[in-house]
Amino acid sequence: MELTPAAVLAFGSTVLYYNFHDISAKIDFSSFRAFKNSLRKDLLSTSELIIIGFCIALLITNALLLHPDVLIIISLIAALSLLYSVPLIPFKGKWIRIREILYFKLSVVAFCWALMAVLLPVFEAGIGLREHILYIQLIAVGLFIFALCIPFEIRDVNLEKSRGLRTIPIVHGIRVARMSAVLALFLSVALYFYLYRINIISVYFFFSFLISALLSMLMISYSNNKPSDFYCKFYIDGLMIFQFLLVLLSLNFR
């Protein structure tokens, strides 16, 4: 394993975006005056300012070391992230965010994570993959992330209702939301099985993903209808780390 400039950039940009998204929720975009007045408030603590400053320094220093193709992907992710948090999309005489668009919301989140997890390391390493293999991996990772987003959507049902937003659990119910997550995981496993069958990944790699997907199905299917922040952030988010460790372990087998 090697800590590459792209890996450092991915880490720094992720931390920076989480802080930016939190700030954007506190800003009033209804008018220029409201926007200006909300900026005058103390939006960030000293520790948050230090973290943001550190992340910006990481981004600047590592961006200079990256291939232009990697910078293009980072720029695309940054643009989508901005549109997700800030109302810059004109719709029916008003400005909205991506997160306010039913179905598109989770698709964009999953797509951004897939770009970061698949394309960044491939382009940085200069690995040549057939286009359809690359697309399959993007879709498979995106489906996995989509499924992990569902418990967060279920957790935020009351909050999103109060904001007048429409999400999958609100529109279709919690049961359908869980079923969509399980279906996404099933399709993701099927795509990885196809990659195994055509000898793109090893049997150990496939089973590492299968184990993490099955555990994800169980945790999503049998979670509480009002999952806690701890459950979502520790157990559900932890599934990504768990999958990474399993995949890393699988690489030691031949």
C-alpha atoms as a PDB file:
ATOM      1  CA  MET A   1       0.000   0.000   0.000  1.00  0.00           C
ATOM      2  CA  GLU A   2       1.158   3.522  -0.789  1.00  0.00           C
ATOM      3  CA  LEU A   3      -0.147   6.908   0.303  1.00  0.00           C
ATOM      4  CA  THR A   4      -0.382   8.543  -3.131  1.00  0.00           C
ATOM      5  CA  PRO A   5      -1.214  12.203  -3.909  1.00  0.00           C
ATOM      6  CA  ALA A   6      -4.677  11.125  -5.141  1.00  0.00           C
ATOM      7  CA  ALA A   7      -5.351   9.278  -1.869  1.00  0.00           C
ATOM      8  CA  VAL A   8      -4.309  12.326   0.158  1.00  0.00           C
ATOM      9  CA  LEU A   9      -6.435  14.555  -2.084  1.00  0.00           C
ATOM     10  CA  ALA A  10      -9.452  12.244  -1.676  1.00  0.00           C
ATOM     11  CA  PHE A  11      -9.076  12.306   2.105  1.00  0.00           C
ATOM     12  CA  GLY A  12      -8.623  16.070   2.301  1.00  0.00           C
ATOM     13  CA  SER A  13     -11.479  16.859  -0.084  1.00  0.00           C
ATOM     14  CA  THR A  14     -13.851  14.511   1.772  1.00  0.00           C
ATOM     15  CA  VAL A  15     -13.158  16.141   5.146  1.00  0.00           C
ATOM     16  CA  LEU A  16     -13.381  19.596   3.557  1.00  0.00           C
ATOM     17  CA  TYR A  17     -16.704  18.811   1.894  1.00  0.00           C
ATOM     18  CA  TYR A  18     -18.307  17.470   5.083  1.00  0.00           C
ATOM     19  CA  ASN A  19     -17.454  20.779   6.778  1.00  0.00           C
ATOM     20  CA  PHE A  20     -18.655  22.775   3.761  1.00  0.00           C
ATOM     21  CA  HIS A  21     -21.955  20.869   3.657  1.00  0.00           C
ATOM     22  CA  ASP A  22     -22.517  21.606   7.330  1.00  0.00           C
ATOM     23  CA  ILE A  23     -21.858  25.313   6.723  1.00  0.00           C
ATOM     24  CA  SER A  24     -24.188  25.415   3.695  1.00  0.00           C
ATOM     25  CA  ALA A  25     -27.069  24.197   5.872  1.00  0.00           C
ATOM     26  CA  LYS A  26     -26.636  27.286   8.082  1.00  0.00           C
ATOM     27  CA  ILE A  27     -26.598  29.799   5.212  1.00  0.00           C
ATOM     28  CA  ASP A  28     -29.791  31.476   4.015  1.00  0.00           C
ATOM     29  CA  PHE A  29     -29.847  31.511   0.200  1.00  0.00           C
ATOM     30  CA  SER A  30     -33.317  33.052  -0.127  1.00  0.00           C
ATOM     31  CA  SER A  31     -31.938  36.485  -1.068  1.00  0.00           C
ATOM     32  CA  PHE A  32     -28.619  38.268  -1.406  1.00  0.00           C
ATOM     33  CA  ARG A  33     -29.233  40.241   1.801  1.00  0.00           C
ATOM     34  CA  ALA A  34     -30.149  37.092   3.746  1.00  0.00           C
ATOM     35  CA  PHE A  35     -27.090  35.360   2.312  1.00  0.00           C
ATOM     36  CA  LYS A  36     -24.803  38.243   3.341  1.00  0.00           C
ATOM     37  CA  ASN A  37     -26.293  38.449   6.841  1.00  0.00           C
ATOM     38  CA  SER A  38     -25.954  34.700   7.426  1.00  0.00           C
ATOM     39  CA  LEU A  39     -22.272  34.869   6.496  1.00  0.00           C
ATOM     40  CA  ARG A  40     -21.706  37.337   9.323  1.00  0.00           C
ATOM     41  CA  LYS A  41     -22.658  34.728  11.889  1.00  0.00           C
ATOM     42  CA  ASP A  42     -20.066  32.538  13.583  1.00  0.00           C
ATOM     43  CA  LEU A  43     -20.479  29.543  11.294  1.00  0.00           C
ATOM     44  CA  LEU A  44     -17.290  27.779  12.300  1.00  0.00           C
ATOM     45  CA  SER A  45     -15.415  27.102  15.526  1.00  0.00           C
ATOM     46  CA  THR A  46     -11.662  27.621  15.809  1.00  0.00           C
ATOM     47  CA  SER A  47     -10.994  23.876  15.555  1.00  0.00           C
ATOM     48  CA  GLU A  48     -13.124  23.635  12.391  1.00  0.00           C
ATOM     49  CA  LEU A  49     -11.231  26.551  10.839  1.00  0.00           C
ATOM     50  CA  ILE A  50      -7.936  24.780  11.578  1.00  0.00           C
ATOM     51  CA  ILE A  51      -9.186  21.534  10.010  1.00  0.00           C
ATOM     52  CA  ILE A  52     -10.447  23.360   6.910  1.00  0.00           C
ATOM     53  CA  GLY A  53      -7.191  25.284   6.557  1.00  0.00           C
ATOM     54  CA  PHE A  54      -5.192  22.050   6.861  1.00  0.00           C
ATOM     55  CA  CYS A  55      -7.364  20.320   4.223  1.00  0.00           C
ATOM     56  CA  ILE A  56      -7.041  23.244   1.803  1.00  0.00           C
ATOM     57  CA  ALA A  57      -3.243  23.118   2.208  1.00  0.00           C
ATOM     58  CA  LEU A  58      -3.326  19.369   1.472  1.00  0.00           C
ATOM     59  CA  LEU A  59      -5.426  19.936  -1.651  1.00  0.00           C
ATOM     60  CA  ILE A  60      -3.163  22.654  -3.034  1.00  0.00           C
ATOM     61  CA  THR A  61       0.129  20.833  -2.415  1.00  0.00           C
ATOM     62  CA  ASN A  62      -1.088  17.467  -3.751  1.00  0.00           C
ATOM     63  CA  ALA A  63      -3.014  18.867  -6.741  1.00  0.00           C
ATOM     64  CA  LEU A  64       0.316  20.004  -8.213  1.00  0.00           C
ATOM     65  CA  LEU A  65       1.504  16.376  -8.272  1.00  0.00           C
ATOM     66  CA  LEU A  66      -1.517  14.894 -10.040  1.00  0.00           C
ATOM     67  CA  HIS A  67      -2.091  13.890 -13.638  1.00  0.00           C
ATOM     68  CA  PRO A  68      -4.553  16.160 -15.518  1.00  0.00           C
ATOM     69  CA  ASP A  69      -7.026  13.262 -15.905  1.00  0.00           C
ATOM     70  CA  VAL A  70      -7.172  12.889 -12.121  1.00  0.00           C
ATOM     71  CA  LEU A  71      -7.725  16.635 -11.717  1.00  0.00           C
ATOM     72  CA  ILE A  72     -10.639  16.458 -14.173  1.00  0.00           C
ATOM     73  CA  ILE A  73     -12.314  13.741 -12.059  1.00  0.00           C
ATOM     74  CA  ILE A  74     -11.717  15.718  -8.859  1.00  0.00           C
ATOM     75  CA  SER A  75     -13.194  18.822 -10.516  1.00  0.00           C
ATOM     76  CA  LEU A  76     -16.296  16.863 -11.590  1.00  0.00           C
ATOM     77  CA  ILE A  77     -16.797  15.506  -8.068  1.00  0.00           C
ATOM     78  CA  ALA A  78     -16.297  19.008  -6.632  1.00  0.00           C
ATOM     79  CA  ALA A  79     -18.867  20.495  -9.038  1.00  0.00           C
ATOM     80  CA  LEU A  80     -21.483  17.855  -8.214  1.00  0.00           C
ATOM     81  CA  SER A  81     -20.798  18.276  -4.488  1.00  0.00           C
ATOM     82  CA  LEU A  82     -21.308  22.026  -4.783  1.00  0.00           C
ATOM     83  CA  LEU A  83     -24.621  21.524  -6.607  1.00  0.00           C
ATOM     84  CA  TYR A  84     -25.647  19.002  -3.945  1.00  0.00           C
ATOM     85  CA  SER A  85     -25.277  21.506  -1.101  1.00  0.00           C
ATOM     86  CA  VAL A  86     -25.905  24.920  -2.680  1.00  0.00           C
ATOM     87  CA  PRO A  87     -29.107  25.919  -4.543  1.00  0.00           C
ATOM     88  CA  LEU A  88     -27.660  26.667  -7.987  1.00  0.00           C
ATOM     89  CA  ILE A  89     -30.073  24.651 -10.174  1.00  0.00           C
ATOM     90  CA  PRO A  90     -32.949  26.660 -11.731  1.00  0.00           C
ATOM     91  CA  PHE A  91     -36.275  24.811 -11.379  1.00  0.00           C
ATOM     92  CA  LYS A  92     -39.808  26.211 -11.789  1.00  0.00           C
ATOM     93  CA  GLY A  93     -38.821  29.773 -11.014  1.00  0.00           C
ATOM     94  CA  LYS A  94     -36.631  28.984  -8.016  1.00  0.00           C
ATOM     95  CA  TRP A  95     -33.174  27.656  -7.237  1.00  0.00           C
ATOM     96  CA  ILE A  96     -32.760  24.175  -5.778  1.00  0.00           C
ATOM     97  CA  ARG A  97     -30.044  21.731  -4.704  1.00  0.00           C
ATOM     98  CA  ILE A  98     -29.433  18.237  -6.072  1.00  0.00           C
ATOM     99  CA  ARG A  99     -30.391  16.853  -2.658  1.00  0.00           C
ATOM    100  CA  GLU A 100     -33.928  18.176  -3.232  1.00  0.00           C
ATOM    101  CA  ILE A 101     -34.456  16.045  -6.354  1.00  0.00           C
ATOM    102  CA  LEU A 102     -36.013  12.639  -5.659  1.00  0.00           C
ATOM    103  CA  TYR A 103     -33.979   9.645  -6.990  1.00  0.00           C
ATOM    104  CA  PHE A 104     -31.255  11.955  -8.332  1.00  0.00           C
ATOM    105  CA  LYS A 105     -30.026  12.731  -4.808  1.00  0.00           C
ATOM    106  CA  LEU A 106     -28.682   9.290  -3.886  1.00  0.00           C
ATOM    107  CA  SER A 107     -27.602   8.575  -7.468  1.00  0.00           C
ATOM    108  CA  VAL A 108     -25.241  11.557  -7.414  1.00  0.00           C
ATOM    109  CA  VAL A 109     -23.831  10.588  -3.998  1.00  0.00           C
ATOM    110  CA  ALA A 110     -23.205   7.026  -5.203  1.00  0.00           C
ATOM    111  CA  PHE A 111     -21.713   8.245  -8.499  1.00  0.00           C
ATOM    112  CA  CYS A 112     -19.266  10.591  -6.752  1.00  0.00           C
ATOM    113  CA  TRP A 113     -18.074   7.882  -4.382  1.00  0.00           C
ATOM    114  CA  ALA A 114     -17.700   5.446  -7.299  1.00  0.00           C
ATOM    115  CA  LEU A 115     -15.614   7.967  -9.238  1.00  0.00           C
ATOM    116  CA  MET A 116     -13.378   8.477  -6.208  1.00  0.00           C
ATOM    117  CA  ALA A 117     -13.033   4.775  -5.409  1.00  0.00           C
ATOM    118  CA  VAL A 118     -12.600   3.442  -8.963  1.00  0.00           C
ATOM    119  CA  LEU A 119     -11.415   6.072 -11.432  1.00  0.00           C
ATOM    120  CA  LEU A 120      -9.006   7.998  -9.200  1.00  0.00           C
ATOM    121  CA  PRO A 121      -6.691   5.056  -8.405  1.00  0.00           C
ATOM    122  CA  VAL A 122      -6.988   3.628 -11.944  1.00  0.00           C
ATOM    123  CA  PHE A 123      -6.072   6.900 -13.651  1.00  0.00           C
ATOM    124  CA  GLU A 124      -3.327   7.761 -11.179  1.00  0.00           C
ATOM    125  CA  ALA A 125      -1.706   4.348 -11.598  1.00  0.00           C
ATOM    126  CA  GLY A 126      -2.070   4.544 -15.387  1.00  0.00           C
ATOM    127  CA  ILE A 127      -3.858   1.191 -15.514  1.00  0.00           C
ATOM    128  CA  GLY A 128      -5.471   0.443 -18.860  1.00  0.00           C
ATOM    129  CA  LEU A 129      -8.868  -1.202 -18.482  1.00  0.00           C
ATOM    130  CA  ARG A 130     -11.421  -2.042 -21.129  1.00  0.00           C
ATOM    131  CA  GLU A 131     -14.240   0.491 -21.065  1.00  0.00           C
ATOM    132  CA  HIS A 132     -17.009  -1.968 -20.223  1.00  0.00           C
ATOM    133  CA  ILE A 133     -14.963  -3.366 -17.299  1.00  0.00           C
ATOM    134  CA  LEU A 134     -14.512   0.152 -15.965  1.00  0.00           C
ATOM    135  CA  TYR A 135     -18.235   0.888 -16.308  1.00  0.00           C
ATOM    136  CA  ILE A 136     -19.150  -2.353 -14.524  1.00  0.00           C
ATOM    137  CA  GLN A 137     -16.878  -1.514 -11.598  1.00  0.00           C
ATOM    138  CA  LEU A 138     -18.280   2.020 -11.393  1.00  0.00           C
ATOM    139  CA  ILE A 139     -21.853   0.714 -11.339  1.00  0.00           C
ATOM    140  CA  ALA A 140     -21.044  -2.044  -8.827  1.00  0.00           C
ATOM    141  CA  VAL A 141     -19.403   0.377  -6.368  1.00  0.00           C
ATOM    142  CA  GLY A 142     -22.150   2.954  -6.936  1.00  0.00           C
ATOM    143  CA  LEU A 143     -24.858   0.398  -6.124  1.00  0.00           C
ATOM    144  CA  PHE A 144     -23.082  -0.561  -2.900  1.00  0.00           C
ATOM    145  CA  ILE A 145     -22.852   3.084  -1.793  1.00  0.00           C
ATOM    146  CA  PHE A 146     -26.480   3.689  -2.803  1.00  0.00           C
ATOM    147  CA  ALA A 147     -27.556   0.852  -0.504  1.00  0.00           C
ATOM    148  CA  LEU A 148     -25.545   2.223   2.430  1.00  0.00           C
ATOM    149  CA  CYS A 149     -27.209   5.625   1.997  1.00  0.00           C
ATOM    150  CA  ILE A 150     -30.686   4.179   2.624  1.00  0.00           C
ATOM    151  CA  PRO A 151     -30.373   3.878   6.452  1.00  0.00           C
ATOM    152  CA  PHE A 152     -29.378   7.557   6.559  1.00  0.00           C
ATOM    153  CA  GLU A 153     -32.471   8.406   4.500  1.00  0.00           C
ATOM    154  CA  ILE A 154     -34.611   6.409   6.954  1.00  0.00           C
ATOM    155  CA  ARG A 155     -32.959   8.145   9.912  1.00  0.00           C
ATOM    156  CA  ASP A 156     -33.708  11.589   8.453  1.00  0.00           C
ATOM    157  CA  VAL A 157     -37.363  10.987   7.494  1.00  0.00           C
ATOM    158  CA  ASN A 158     -38.830  13.433  10.018  1.00  0.00           C
ATOM    159  CA  LEU A 159     -36.140  16.042   9.396  1.00  0.00           C
ATOM    160  CA  GLU A 160     -36.556  15.893   5.610  1.00  0.00           C
ATOM    161  CA  LYS A 161     -40.337  16.059   5.959  1.00  0.00           C
ATOM    162  CA  SER A 162     -39.998  19.244   8.007  1.00  0.00           C
ATOM    163  CA  ARG A 163     -37.890  20.720   5.201  1.00  0.00           C
ATOM    164  CA  GLY A 164     -40.460  19.763   2.596  1.00  0.00           C
ATOM    165  CA  LEU A 165     -38.100  17.354   0.836  1.00  0.00           C
ATOM    166  CA  ARG A 166     -39.058  14.138  -0.927  1.00  0.00           C
ATOM    167  CA  THR A 167     -36.883  11.076  -0.365  1.00  0.00           C
ATOM    168  CA  ILE A 168     -37.385   7.387  -1.108  1.00  0.00           C
ATOM    169  CA  PRO A 169     -38.556   6.476   2.446  1.00  0.00           C
ATOM    170  CA  ILE A 170     -40.914   9.484   2.530  1.00  0.00           C
ATOM    171  CA  VAL A 171     -42.451   8.879  -0.906  1.00  0.00           C
ATOM    172  CA  HIS A 172     -42.447   5.063  -1.009  1.00  0.00           C
ATOM    173  CA  GLY A 173     -42.143   4.054   2.633  1.00  0.00           C
ATOM    174  CA  ILE A 174     -39.386   2.543   4.750  1.00  0.00           C
ATOM    175  CA  ARG A 175     -40.081  -1.033   3.598  1.00  0.00           C
ATOM    176  CA  VAL A 176     -39.662  -0.132  -0.083  1.00  0.00           C
ATOM    177  CA  ALA A 177     -36.541   1.874   0.759  1.00  0.00           C
ATOM    178  CA  ARG A 178     -34.991  -1.177   2.431  1.00  0.00           C
ATOM    179  CA  MET A 179     -36.002  -3.379  -0.493  1.00  0.00           C
ATOM    180  CA  SER A 180     -34.324  -0.967  -2.927  1.00  0.00           C
ATOM    181  CA  ALA A 181     -31.117  -1.182  -0.862  1.00  0.00           C
ATOM    182  CA  VAL A 182     -31.166  -4.987  -0.872  1.00  0.00           C
ATOM    183  CA  LEU A 183     -31.833  -5.012  -4.628  1.00  0.00           C
ATOM    184  CA  ALA A 184     -28.913  -2.636  -5.196  1.00  0.00           C
ATOM    185  CA  LEU A 185     -26.619  -4.912  -3.174  1.00  0.00           C
ATOM    186  CA  PHE A 186     -27.838  -7.987  -5.057  1.00  0.00           C
ATOM    187  CA  LEU A 187     -27.129  -6.323  -8.426  1.00  0.00           C
ATOM    188  CA  SER A 188     -23.707  -5.211  -7.189  1.00  0.00           C
ATOM    189  CA  VAL A 189     -22.822  -8.789  -6.193  1.00  0.00           C
ATOM    190  CA  ALA A 190     -24.063 -10.020  -9.593  1.00  0.00           C
ATOM    191  CA  LEU A 191     -21.753  -7.570 -11.387  1.00  0.00           C
ATOM    192  CA  TYR A 192     -18.768  -8.664  -9.312  1.00  0.00           C
ATOM    193  CA  PHE A 193     -19.643 -12.294  -9.995  1.00  0.00           C
ATOM    194  CA  TYR A 194     -19.542 -11.487 -13.708  1.00  0.00           C
ATOM    195  CA  LEU A 195     -16.075  -9.928 -13.255  1.00  0.00           C
ATOM    196  CA  TYR A 196     -14.974 -13.094 -11.467  1.00  0.00           C
ATOM    197  CA  ARG A 197     -16.368 -15.314 -14.233  1.00  0.00           C
ATOM    198  CA  ILE A 198     -14.359 -13.455 -16.895  1.00  0.00           C
ATOM    199  CA  ASN A 199     -11.207 -13.606 -14.719  1.00  0.00           C
ATOM    200  CA  ILE A 200     -10.976  -9.901 -13.935  1.00  0.00           C
ATOM    201  CA  ILE A 201     -11.047 -10.467 -10.160  1.00  0.00           C
ATOM    202  CA  SER A 202     -10.003 -13.460  -8.063  1.00  0.00           C
ATOM    203  CA  VAL A 203     -12.367 -15.756  -6.197  1.00  0.00           C
ATOM    204  CA  TYR A 204     -10.966 -14.335  -2.941  1.00  0.00           C
ATOM    205  CA  PHE A 205     -11.776 -10.789  -4.043  1.00  0.00           C
ATOM    206  CA  PHE A 206     -15.300 -11.834  -5.031  1.00  0.00           C
ATOM    207  CA  PHE A 207     -15.982 -13.563  -1.704  1.00  0.00           C
ATOM    208  CA  SER A 208     -14.637 -10.582   0.230  1.00  0.00           C
ATOM    209  CA  PHE A 209     -17.199  -8.404  -1.521  1.00  0.00           C
ATOM    210  CA  LEU A 210     -19.921 -11.040  -1.148  1.00  0.00           C
ATOM    211  CA  ILE A 211     -19.388 -11.247   2.629  1.00  0.00           C
ATOM    212  CA  SER A 212     -19.532  -7.465   3.044  1.00  0.00           C
ATOM    213  CA  ALA A 213     -22.642  -7.244   0.825  1.00  0.00           C
ATOM    214  CA  LEU A 214     -24.472  -9.984   2.759  1.00  0.00           C
ATOM    215  CA  LEU A 215     -23.629  -8.317   6.072  1.00  0.00           C
ATOM    216  CA  SER A 216     -24.875  -5.014   4.627  1.00  0.00           C
ATOM    217  CA  MET A 217     -28.153  -6.654   3.575  1.00  0.00           C
ATOM    218  CA  LEU A 218     -28.675  -8.009   7.086  1.00  0.00           C
ATOM    219  CA  MET A 219     -27.853  -4.731   8.817  1.00  0.00           C
ATOM    220  CA  ILE A 220     -30.112  -2.702   6.503  1.00  0.00           C
ATOM    221  CA  SER A 221     -32.995  -5.195   6.504  1.00  0.00           C
ATOM    222  CA  TYR A 222     -33.158  -5.632  10.272  1.00  0.00           C
ATOM    223  CA  SER A 223     -32.290  -2.117  11.398  1.00  0.00           C
ATOM    224  CA  ASN A 224     -34.654  -0.033  13.489  1.00  0.00           C
ATOM    225  CA  ASN A 225     -37.218   2.172  11.733  1.00  0.00           C
ATOM    226  CA  LYS A 226     -35.547   5.082  13.539  1.00  0.00           C
ATOM    227  CA  PRO A 227     -31.844   4.206  13.432  1.00  0.00           C
ATOM    228  CA  SER A 228     -29.596   6.295  15.658  1.00  0.00           C
ATOM    229  CA  ASP A 229     -26.753   8.518  14.507  1.00  0.00           C
ATOM    230  CA  PHE A 230     -24.325   6.067  16.111  1.00  0.00           C
ATOM    231  CA  TYR A 231     -25.808   3.120  14.210  1.00  0.00           C
ATOM    232  CA  CYS A 232     -25.591   4.928  10.878  1.00  0.00           C
ATOM    233  CA  LYS A 233     -22.203   6.546  11.315  1.00  0.00           C
ATOM    234  CA  PHE A 234     -20.443   3.672  13.093  1.00  0.00           C
ATOM    235  CA  TYR A 235     -22.031   0.457  11.831  1.00  0.00           C
ATOM    236  CA  ILE A 236     -23.305   1.459   8.370  1.00  0.00           C
ATOM    237  CA  ASP A 237     -20.382   3.707   7.442  1.00  0.00           C
ATOM    238  CA  GLY A 238     -18.114   1.110   9.023  1.00  0.00           C
ATOM    239  CA  LEU A 239     -19.215  -1.382   6.375  1.00  0.00           C
ATOM    240  CA  MET A 240     -17.087   0.500   3.838  1.00  0.00           C
ATOM    241  CA  ILE A 241     -14.032   0.070   6.050  1.00  0.00           C
ATOM    242  CA  PHE A 242     -14.950  -3.570   6.657  1.00  0.00           C
ATOM    243  CA  GLN A 243     -15.177  -4.194   2.903  1.00  0.00           C
ATOM    244  CA  PHE A 244     -11.846  -2.434   2.335  1.00  0.00           C
ATOM    245  CA  LEU A 245     -10.142  -4.640   4.946  1.00  0.00           C
ATOM    246  CA  LEU A 246     -11.620  -7.796   3.425  1.00  0.00           C
ATOM    247  CA  VAL A 247     -10.524  -6.792  -0.079  1.00  0.00           C
ATOM    248  CA  LEU A 248      -7.062  -5.910   1.228  1.00  0.00           C
ATOM    249  CA  LEU A 249      -6.856  -9.308   2.879  1.00  0.00           C
ATOM    250  CA  SER A 250      -7.986 -11.041  -0.325  1.00  0.00           C
ATOM    251  CA  LEU A 251      -5.063  -9.500  -2.239  1.00  0.00           C
ATOM    252  CA  ASN A 252      -2.674 -11.582  -0.117  1.00  0.00           C
ATOM    253  CA  PHE A 253      -4.137 -14.795  -1.552  1.00  0.00           C
ATOM    254  CA  ARG A 254      -3.439 -16.131  -4.997  1.00  0.00           C
END
